[in-house]
Amino acid sequence: MDPKERGLLARAYFRKGYNCCQSVLLAFKDEAGLSEEDIARLASGFGGGMGRLREVCGAMSAMTFMSGVIRPAVHPGILEERADNYALVQDFAGTFRKEFGSIVCRDILRIRADRKESPVPSMRDEQWYAIRPCERIIGFAAEEIARKMSAIVPEK
């Protein structure tokens, strides 16, 4: 699947109500080797910048998660694996920062750092989607993952 298709798929999951991290990861469930339910469960706390704490953006968290699919570091004694994985995460973060100015949800959404966030998710309607950059960010993250994946991981 090409990057644009992955981006559109991630956006579609977001429109179904999944959080940012879930939406991006669900667009790669075939590559991650996980079921839709497993991804939804594992990524459930990463929405809203980690449980609406407005910290690291959920889409960026999904990019970090997918770095383990693209460049896994599974052997604790092989530091080169970890270094390759971390280099990919840093590359993703640099690309993300360049596009959105930050990897932090509150910065991207221009929310004051001292604002207390409720754990209750916002109700989404067309107006909400129109004023939030989240859908565009999710599409961007999925496209970037797909680009890296095609450049690093050979086609199956």
N, C-alpha and C. Protein backbone atom coordinates (compact mmCIF):
# COMPACT_ATOMS: atom_id res chain seq x y z
N MET A 1 0.85 -1.18 0.00
CA MET A 1 0.00 0.00 0.00
C MET A 1 0.90 1.24 0.00
N ASP A 2 0.58 2.21 -0.84
CA ASP A 2 1.44 3.38 -0.92
C ASP A 2 1.17 4.36 0.23
N PRO A 3 2.09 5.32 0.46
CA PRO A 3 1.96 6.25 1.58
C PRO A 3 0.63 7.00 1.64
N LYS A 4 0.14 7.47 0.51
CA LYS A 4 -1.13 8.21 0.49
C LYS A 4 -2.28 7.33 0.97
N GLU A 5 -2.29 6.08 0.53
CA GLU A 5 -3.34 5.15 0.95
C GLU A 5 -3.28 4.90 2.46
N ARG A 6 -2.07 4.75 2.99
CA ARG A 6 -1.92 4.56 4.44
C ARG A 6 -2.44 5.79 5.18
N GLY A 7 -2.11 6.97 4.66
CA GLY A 7 -2.58 8.20 5.29
C GLY A 7 -4.10 8.30 5.29
N LEU A 8 -4.71 7.97 4.17
CA LEU A 8 -6.17 8.00 4.08
C LEU A 8 -6.81 6.97 5.01
N LEU A 9 -6.19 5.81 5.11
CA LEU A 9 -6.70 4.76 5.99
C LEU A 9 -6.63 5.22 7.45
N ALA A 10 -5.52 5.81 7.84
CA ALA A 10 -5.37 6.31 9.22
C ALA A 10 -6.42 7.38 9.52
N ARG A 11 -6.64 8.28 8.58
CA ARG A 11 -7.66 9.32 8.75
C ARG A 11 -9.06 8.70 8.91
N ALA A 12 -9.32 7.66 8.14
CA ALA A 12 -10.63 6.99 8.22
C ALA A 12 -10.83 6.37 9.61
N TYR A 13 -9.79 5.76 10.15
CA TYR A 13 -9.90 5.20 11.50
C TYR A 13 -10.16 6.31 12.52
N PHE A 14 -9.51 7.45 12.35
CA PHE A 14 -9.72 8.58 13.25
C PHE A 14 -11.17 9.05 13.18
N ARG A 15 -11.72 9.10 11.98
CA ARG A 15 -13.11 9.52 11.80
C ARG A 15 -14.09 8.52 12.42
N LYS A 16 -13.64 7.27 12.60
CA LYS A 16 -14.48 6.27 13.27
C LYS A 16 -14.50 6.47 14.78
N GLY A 17 -13.56 7.28 15.29
CA GLY A 17 -13.52 7.55 16.72
C GLY A 17 -12.30 7.06 17.45
N TYR A 18 -11.40 6.39 16.75
CA TYR A 18 -10.17 5.95 17.40
C TYR A 18 -9.30 7.16 17.74
N ASN A 19 -8.43 7.01 18.76
CA ASN A 19 -7.54 8.11 19.10
C ASN A 19 -6.40 8.20 18.06
N CYS A 20 -5.58 9.22 18.19
CA CYS A 20 -4.53 9.49 17.20
C CYS A 20 -3.58 8.31 17.03
N CYS A 21 -3.10 7.79 18.14
CA CYS A 21 -2.15 6.68 18.08
C CYS A 21 -2.81 5.43 17.50
N GLN A 22 -3.99 5.10 17.97
CA GLN A 22 -4.70 3.94 17.45
C GLN A 22 -4.93 4.06 15.94
N SER A 23 -5.33 5.24 15.50
CA SER A 23 -5.65 5.45 14.08
C SER A 23 -4.46 5.18 13.18
N VAL A 24 -3.31 5.71 13.57
CA VAL A 24 -2.10 5.50 12.76
C VAL A 24 -1.71 4.03 12.79
N LEU A 25 -1.68 3.43 13.96
CA LEU A 25 -1.27 2.03 14.06
C LEU A 25 -2.22 1.09 13.34
N LEU A 26 -3.50 1.38 13.39
CA LEU A 26 -4.47 0.52 12.70
C LEU A 26 -4.25 0.52 11.19
N ALA A 27 -3.72 1.60 10.67
CA ALA A 27 -3.42 1.66 9.23
C ALA A 27 -2.26 0.72 8.87
N PHE A 28 -1.56 0.20 9.88
CA PHE A 28 -0.43 -0.70 9.66
C PHE A 28 -0.62 -2.04 10.37
N LYS A 29 -1.86 -2.41 10.65
CA LYS A 29 -2.07 -3.66 11.38
C LYS A 29 -1.51 -4.85 10.62
N ASP A 30 -1.51 -4.79 9.30
CA ASP A 30 -0.94 -5.88 8.51
C ASP A 30 0.57 -5.99 8.72
N GLU A 31 1.22 -4.87 8.81
CA GLU A 31 2.68 -4.85 9.00
C GLU A 31 3.07 -5.16 10.45
N ALA A 32 2.25 -4.71 11.39
CA ALA A 32 2.55 -4.93 12.81
C ALA A 32 2.26 -6.36 13.24
N GLY A 33 1.43 -7.06 12.47
CA GLY A 33 1.10 -8.43 12.81
C GLY A 33 0.21 -8.54 14.03
N LEU A 34 -0.61 -7.50 14.24
CA LEU A 34 -1.52 -7.48 15.38
C LEU A 34 -2.95 -7.30 14.88
N SER A 35 -3.88 -7.77 15.67
CA SER A 35 -5.29 -7.60 15.31
C SER A 35 -5.73 -6.17 15.61
N GLU A 36 -6.86 -5.80 15.04
CA GLU A 36 -7.44 -4.48 15.31
C GLU A 36 -7.70 -4.31 16.81
N GLU A 37 -8.23 -5.34 17.43
CA GLU A 37 -8.51 -5.26 18.87
C GLU A 37 -7.22 -5.12 19.69
N ASP A 38 -6.17 -5.87 19.33
CA ASP A 38 -4.90 -5.76 20.05
C ASP A 38 -4.32 -4.35 19.94
N ILE A 39 -4.34 -3.80 18.73
CA ILE A 39 -3.82 -2.44 18.54
C ILE A 39 -4.65 -1.44 19.32
N ALA A 40 -5.97 -1.56 19.23
CA ALA A 40 -6.84 -0.63 19.96
C ALA A 40 -6.56 -0.70 21.46
N ARG A 41 -6.36 -1.90 21.96
CA ARG A 41 -6.08 -2.09 23.39
C ARG A 41 -4.72 -1.50 23.77
N LEU A 42 -3.68 -1.88 23.03
CA LEU A 42 -2.32 -1.44 23.38
C LEU A 42 -2.12 0.07 23.25
N ALA A 43 -2.81 0.69 22.30
CA ALA A 43 -2.62 2.12 22.05
C ALA A 43 -3.69 2.99 22.71
N SER A 44 -4.58 2.38 23.48
CA SER A 44 -5.71 3.13 24.04
C SER A 44 -5.29 4.30 24.94
N GLY A 45 -4.20 4.20 25.64
CA GLY A 45 -3.78 5.27 26.55
C GLY A 45 -2.95 6.37 25.91
N PHE A 46 -2.68 6.26 24.61
CA PHE A 46 -1.80 7.23 23.96
C PHE A 46 -2.53 8.38 23.27
N GLY A 47 -3.85 8.42 23.37
CA GLY A 47 -4.60 9.52 22.77
C GLY A 47 -4.47 10.78 23.61
N GLY A 48 -4.65 11.92 22.97
CA GLY A 48 -4.59 13.19 23.69
C GLY A 48 -3.23 13.47 24.29
N GLY A 49 -2.19 12.99 23.61
CA GLY A 49 -0.85 13.21 24.15
C GLY A 49 -0.62 12.43 25.43
N MET A 50 -1.03 11.18 25.42
CA MET A 50 -0.94 10.24 26.54
C MET A 50 -2.00 10.54 27.58
N GLY A 51 -3.15 9.94 27.39
CA GLY A 51 -4.23 10.06 28.36
C GLY A 51 -4.72 11.48 28.58
N ARG A 52 -4.70 12.29 27.50
CA ARG A 52 -5.09 13.70 27.55
C ARG A 52 -4.20 14.52 28.48
N LEU A 53 -2.97 14.08 28.68
CA LEU A 53 -2.00 14.89 29.41
C LEU A 53 -1.40 15.95 28.51
N ARG A 54 -1.63 15.80 27.20
CA ARG A 54 -1.13 16.73 26.18
C ARG A 54 0.39 16.74 26.12
N GLU A 55 0.96 15.57 26.31
CA GLU A 55 2.42 15.41 26.19
C GLU A 55 2.74 14.98 24.76
N VAL A 56 3.49 13.91 24.56
CA VAL A 56 3.87 13.49 23.20
C VAL A 56 2.62 13.14 22.40
N CYS A 57 2.51 13.74 21.22
CA CYS A 57 1.37 13.53 20.33
C CYS A 57 1.20 12.03 20.06
N GLY A 58 -0.05 11.58 20.06
CA GLY A 58 -0.34 10.18 19.81
C GLY A 58 0.14 9.70 18.45
N ALA A 59 0.09 10.57 17.45
CA ALA A 59 0.58 10.18 16.11
C ALA A 59 2.09 9.97 16.15
N MET A 60 2.80 10.80 16.91
CA MET A 60 4.24 10.62 17.07
C MET A 60 4.52 9.34 17.88
N SER A 61 3.70 9.06 18.87
CA SER A 61 3.84 7.80 19.62
C SER A 61 3.68 6.60 18.70
N ALA A 62 2.75 6.69 17.75
CA ALA A 62 2.56 5.61 16.78
C ALA A 62 3.79 5.45 15.89
N MET A 63 4.40 6.56 15.52
CA MET A 63 5.63 6.49 14.72
C MET A 63 6.72 5.77 15.51
N THR A 64 6.79 6.07 16.80
CA THR A 64 7.77 5.42 17.67
C THR A 64 7.49 3.93 17.76
N PHE A 65 6.23 3.58 17.94
CA PHE A 65 5.84 2.18 17.98
C PHE A 65 6.26 1.47 16.70
N MET A 66 5.97 2.08 15.57
CA MET A 66 6.28 1.46 14.28
C MET A 66 7.79 1.39 14.01
N SER A 67 8.58 2.17 14.72
CA SER A 67 10.04 2.06 14.56
C SER A 67 10.50 0.67 14.96
N GLY A 68 9.77 0.05 15.89
CA GLY A 68 10.09 -1.31 16.31
C GLY A 68 9.72 -2.36 15.28
N VAL A 69 8.83 -2.03 14.38
CA VAL A 69 8.48 -2.92 13.28
C VAL A 69 9.51 -2.76 12.16
N ILE A 70 9.88 -1.51 11.91
CA ILE A 70 10.80 -1.21 10.81
C ILE A 70 12.24 -1.57 11.16
N ARG A 71 12.68 -1.16 12.32
CA ARG A 71 14.04 -1.44 12.80
C ARG A 71 13.96 -1.95 14.23
N PRO A 72 13.62 -3.21 14.40
CA PRO A 72 13.43 -3.75 15.75
C PRO A 72 14.73 -3.86 16.54
N ALA A 73 14.60 -3.67 17.84
CA ALA A 73 15.71 -3.86 18.78
C ALA A 73 15.22 -4.88 19.80
N VAL A 74 15.40 -6.15 19.48
CA VAL A 74 14.84 -7.21 20.32
C VAL A 74 15.87 -7.95 21.18
N HIS A 75 17.12 -7.72 20.90
CA HIS A 75 18.18 -8.41 21.64
C HIS A 75 18.89 -7.40 22.55
N PRO A 76 18.70 -7.50 23.86
CA PRO A 76 19.24 -6.50 24.78
C PRO A 76 20.76 -6.30 24.68
N GLY A 77 21.47 -7.33 24.31
CA GLY A 77 22.93 -7.22 24.24
C GLY A 77 23.47 -6.65 22.94
N ILE A 78 22.61 -6.44 21.96
CA ILE A 78 23.07 -5.91 20.67
C ILE A 78 22.72 -4.43 20.61
N LEU A 79 23.66 -3.61 21.05
CA LEU A 79 23.42 -2.18 21.14
C LEU A 79 23.25 -1.53 19.77
N GLU A 80 23.80 -2.13 18.74
CA GLU A 80 23.64 -1.59 17.39
C GLU A 80 22.17 -1.60 16.97
N GLU A 81 21.45 -2.66 17.34
CA GLU A 81 20.02 -2.70 17.05
C GLU A 81 19.30 -1.53 17.70
N ARG A 82 19.59 -1.31 18.97
CA ARG A 82 18.94 -0.22 19.70
C ARG A 82 19.32 1.13 19.10
N ALA A 83 20.59 1.28 18.75
CA ALA A 83 21.04 2.54 18.15
C ALA A 83 20.33 2.79 16.82
N ASP A 84 20.16 1.75 16.01
CA ASP A 84 19.45 1.90 14.74
C ASP A 84 17.98 2.28 14.97
N ASN A 85 17.37 1.64 15.97
CA ASN A 85 15.98 1.95 16.31
C ASN A 85 15.86 3.39 16.79
N TYR A 86 16.72 3.79 17.71
CA TYR A 86 16.68 5.16 18.25
C TYR A 86 16.94 6.19 17.16
N ALA A 87 17.83 5.86 16.23
CA ALA A 87 18.11 6.78 15.12
C ALA A 87 16.85 6.98 14.28
N LEU A 88 16.09 5.91 14.07
CA LEU A 88 14.85 6.03 13.31
C LEU A 88 13.83 6.87 14.07
N VAL A 89 13.70 6.65 15.38
CA VAL A 89 12.78 7.45 16.19
C VAL A 89 13.18 8.93 16.12
N GLN A 90 14.46 9.22 16.21
CA GLN A 90 14.92 10.60 16.14
C GLN A 90 14.67 11.20 14.77
N ASP A 91 14.81 10.40 13.74
CA ASP A 91 14.51 10.86 12.38
C ASP A 91 13.03 11.19 12.25
N PHE A 92 12.17 10.28 12.73
CA PHE A 92 10.73 10.53 12.72
C PHE A 92 10.42 11.83 13.49
N ALA A 93 11.00 11.98 14.66
CA ALA A 93 10.73 13.16 15.49
C ALA A 93 11.19 14.44 14.78
N GLY A 94 12.33 14.39 14.12
CA GLY A 94 12.81 15.56 13.39
C GLY A 94 11.88 15.95 12.25
N THR A 95 11.42 14.96 11.52
CA THR A 95 10.47 15.21 10.42
C THR A 95 9.16 15.76 10.96
N PHE A 96 8.70 15.20 12.05
CA PHE A 96 7.45 15.62 12.68
C PHE A 96 7.58 17.06 13.19
N ARG A 97 8.68 17.35 13.88
CA ARG A 97 8.91 18.72 14.38
C ARG A 97 8.98 19.73 13.25
N LYS A 98 9.65 19.35 12.18
CA LYS A 98 9.78 20.25 11.04
C LYS A 98 8.41 20.61 10.47
N GLU A 99 7.52 19.64 10.44
CA GLU A 99 6.19 19.84 9.87
C GLU A 99 5.24 20.58 10.83
N PHE A 100 5.32 20.26 12.14
CA PHE A 100 4.33 20.77 13.09
C PHE A 100 4.90 21.66 14.20
N GLY A 101 6.22 21.83 14.22
CA GLY A 101 6.83 22.72 15.21
C GLY A 101 7.16 22.07 16.53
N SER A 102 6.62 20.89 16.80
CA SER A 102 6.82 20.21 18.07
C SER A 102 6.31 18.78 17.94
N ILE A 103 6.71 17.93 18.88
CA ILE A 103 6.13 16.59 18.98
C ILE A 103 5.16 16.53 20.15
N VAL A 104 4.96 17.66 20.81
CA VAL A 104 4.13 17.74 22.01
C VAL A 104 2.73 18.23 21.65
N CYS A 105 1.75 17.46 22.03
CA CYS A 105 0.34 17.73 21.72
C CYS A 105 -0.06 19.16 22.11
N ARG A 106 0.23 19.56 23.35
CA ARG A 106 -0.22 20.89 23.81
C ARG A 106 0.40 22.01 22.99
N ASP A 107 1.64 21.84 22.55
CA ASP A 107 2.28 22.86 21.72
C ASP A 107 1.59 22.94 20.35
N ILE A 108 1.33 21.78 19.77
CA ILE A 108 0.70 21.73 18.45
C ILE A 108 -0.71 22.34 18.51
N LEU A 109 -1.44 22.03 19.59
CA LEU A 109 -2.81 22.53 19.74
C LEU A 109 -2.87 23.91 20.40
N ARG A 110 -1.72 24.42 20.78
CA ARG A 110 -1.62 25.74 21.44
C ARG A 110 -2.45 25.78 22.73
N ILE A 111 -2.23 24.76 23.55
CA ILE A 111 -2.89 24.67 24.86
C ILE A 111 -1.86 25.07 25.91
N ARG A 112 -2.26 25.93 26.81
CA ARG A 112 -1.34 26.38 27.88
C ARG A 112 -0.89 25.21 28.73
N ALA A 113 0.38 25.21 29.08
CA ALA A 113 0.96 24.11 29.86
C ALA A 113 0.32 23.97 31.24
N ASP A 114 -0.17 25.06 31.80
CA ASP A 114 -0.75 25.00 33.15
C ASP A 114 -2.24 24.66 33.15
N ARG A 115 -2.82 24.45 31.97
CA ARG A 115 -4.24 24.11 31.89
C ARG A 115 -4.47 22.67 32.32
N LYS A 116 -5.37 22.45 33.22
CA LYS A 116 -5.71 21.10 33.70
C LYS A 116 -6.67 20.48 32.70
N GLU A 117 -6.31 19.32 32.20
CA GLU A 117 -7.15 18.61 31.22
C GLU A 117 -7.98 17.55 31.93
N SER A 118 -9.19 17.43 31.53
CA SER A 118 -10.08 16.38 32.01
C SER A 118 -9.72 15.08 31.29
N PRO A 119 -9.90 13.95 31.94
CA PRO A 119 -9.67 12.69 31.24
C PRO A 119 -10.78 12.35 30.25
N VAL A 120 -11.86 13.11 30.27
CA VAL A 120 -12.99 12.84 29.39
C VAL A 120 -12.68 13.34 27.97
N PRO A 121 -12.70 12.46 26.98
CA PRO A 121 -12.41 12.86 25.60
C PRO A 121 -13.44 13.88 25.09
N SER A 122 -12.99 14.71 24.17
CA SER A 122 -13.88 15.68 23.53
C SER A 122 -14.87 14.95 22.64
N MET A 123 -16.08 15.47 22.57
CA MET A 123 -17.05 14.97 21.61
C MET A 123 -16.64 15.49 20.24
N ARG A 124 -16.64 14.61 19.28
CA ARG A 124 -16.23 14.99 17.92
C ARG A 124 -17.45 15.19 17.04
N ASP A 125 -17.43 16.31 16.34
CA ASP A 125 -18.43 16.57 15.31
C ASP A 125 -17.69 17.27 14.18
N GLU A 126 -18.38 17.66 13.15
CA GLU A 126 -17.71 18.28 11.99
C GLU A 126 -16.98 19.57 12.37
N GLN A 127 -17.55 20.33 13.29
CA GLN A 127 -16.88 21.56 13.73
C GLN A 127 -15.56 21.24 14.43
N TRP A 128 -15.58 20.21 15.28
CA TRP A 128 -14.37 19.79 15.99
C TRP A 128 -13.29 19.40 14.99
N TYR A 129 -13.66 18.57 14.00
CA TYR A 129 -12.70 18.14 12.98
C TYR A 129 -12.17 19.34 12.19
N ALA A 130 -13.02 20.32 11.95
CA ALA A 130 -12.63 21.48 11.14
C ALA A 130 -11.59 22.37 11.83
N ILE A 131 -11.62 22.43 13.16
CA ILE A 131 -10.69 23.34 13.85
C ILE A 131 -9.45 22.64 14.39
N ARG A 132 -9.45 21.33 14.44
CA ARG A 132 -8.32 20.56 14.96
C ARG A 132 -7.41 20.10 13.83
N PRO A 133 -6.09 20.16 14.04
CA PRO A 133 -5.17 19.66 13.01
C PRO A 133 -4.93 18.15 13.10
N CYS A 134 -5.56 17.50 14.04
CA CYS A 134 -5.25 16.10 14.34
C CYS A 134 -5.38 15.16 13.14
N GLU A 135 -6.43 15.32 12.37
CA GLU A 135 -6.64 14.43 11.23
C GLU A 135 -5.51 14.57 10.22
N ARG A 136 -5.08 15.80 9.97
CA ARG A 136 -3.97 16.03 9.04
C ARG A 136 -2.67 15.44 9.61
N ILE A 137 -2.47 15.60 10.90
CA ILE A 137 -1.27 15.07 11.56
C ILE A 137 -1.23 13.55 11.47
N ILE A 138 -2.36 12.92 11.68
CA ILE A 138 -2.46 11.46 11.61
C ILE A 138 -2.12 10.98 10.20
N GLY A 139 -2.67 11.65 9.21
CA GLY A 139 -2.37 11.29 7.82
C GLY A 139 -0.89 11.44 7.51
N PHE A 140 -0.32 12.55 7.98
CA PHE A 140 1.11 12.80 7.77
C PHE A 140 1.95 11.69 8.41
N ALA A 141 1.64 11.34 9.66
CA ALA A 141 2.41 10.31 10.38
C ALA A 141 2.35 8.98 9.64
N ALA A 142 1.17 8.59 9.20
CA ALA A 142 1.03 7.32 8.48
C ALA A 142 1.81 7.34 7.17
N GLU A 143 1.76 8.45 6.46
CA GLU A 143 2.51 8.56 5.21
C GLU A 143 4.01 8.47 5.45
N GLU A 144 4.48 9.13 6.50
CA GLU A 144 5.92 9.08 6.81
C GLU A 144 6.36 7.67 7.19
N ILE A 145 5.56 6.99 7.97
CA ILE A 145 5.89 5.61 8.33
C ILE A 145 5.96 4.76 7.06
N ALA A 146 4.99 4.91 6.19
CA ALA A 146 4.97 4.12 4.95
C ALA A 146 6.19 4.43 4.08
N ARG A 147 6.59 5.69 4.02
CA ARG A 147 7.79 6.05 3.23
C ARG A 147 9.03 5.38 3.80
N LYS A 148 9.19 5.46 5.11
CA LYS A 148 10.36 4.84 5.75
C LYS A 148 10.31 3.33 5.57
N MET A 149 9.15 2.78 5.73
CA MET A 149 8.99 1.33 5.63
C MET A 149 9.40 0.85 4.25
N SER A 150 8.97 1.56 3.22
CA SER A 150 9.29 1.14 1.85
C SER A 150 10.77 1.35 1.54
N ALA A 151 11.39 2.32 2.19
CA ALA A 151 12.82 2.59 1.96
C ALA A 151 13.72 1.62 2.71
N ILE A 152 13.24 1.11 3.85
CA ILE A 152 14.08 0.28 4.71
C ILE A 152 13.72 -1.20 4.62
N VAL A 153 12.43 -1.50 4.65
CA VAL A 153 11.97 -2.88 4.64
C VAL A 153 11.62 -3.28 3.21
N PRO A 154 12.25 -4.30 2.67
CA PRO A 154 11.92 -4.72 1.29
C PRO A 154 10.48 -5.20 1.20
N GLU A 155 9.89 -5.04 0.02
CA GLU A 155 8.52 -5.49 -0.23
C GLU A 155 8.43 -6.99 0.03
N LYS A 156 7.29 -7.39 0.56
CA LYS A 156 7.06 -8.82 0.84
C LYS A 156 6.66 -9.55 -0.42
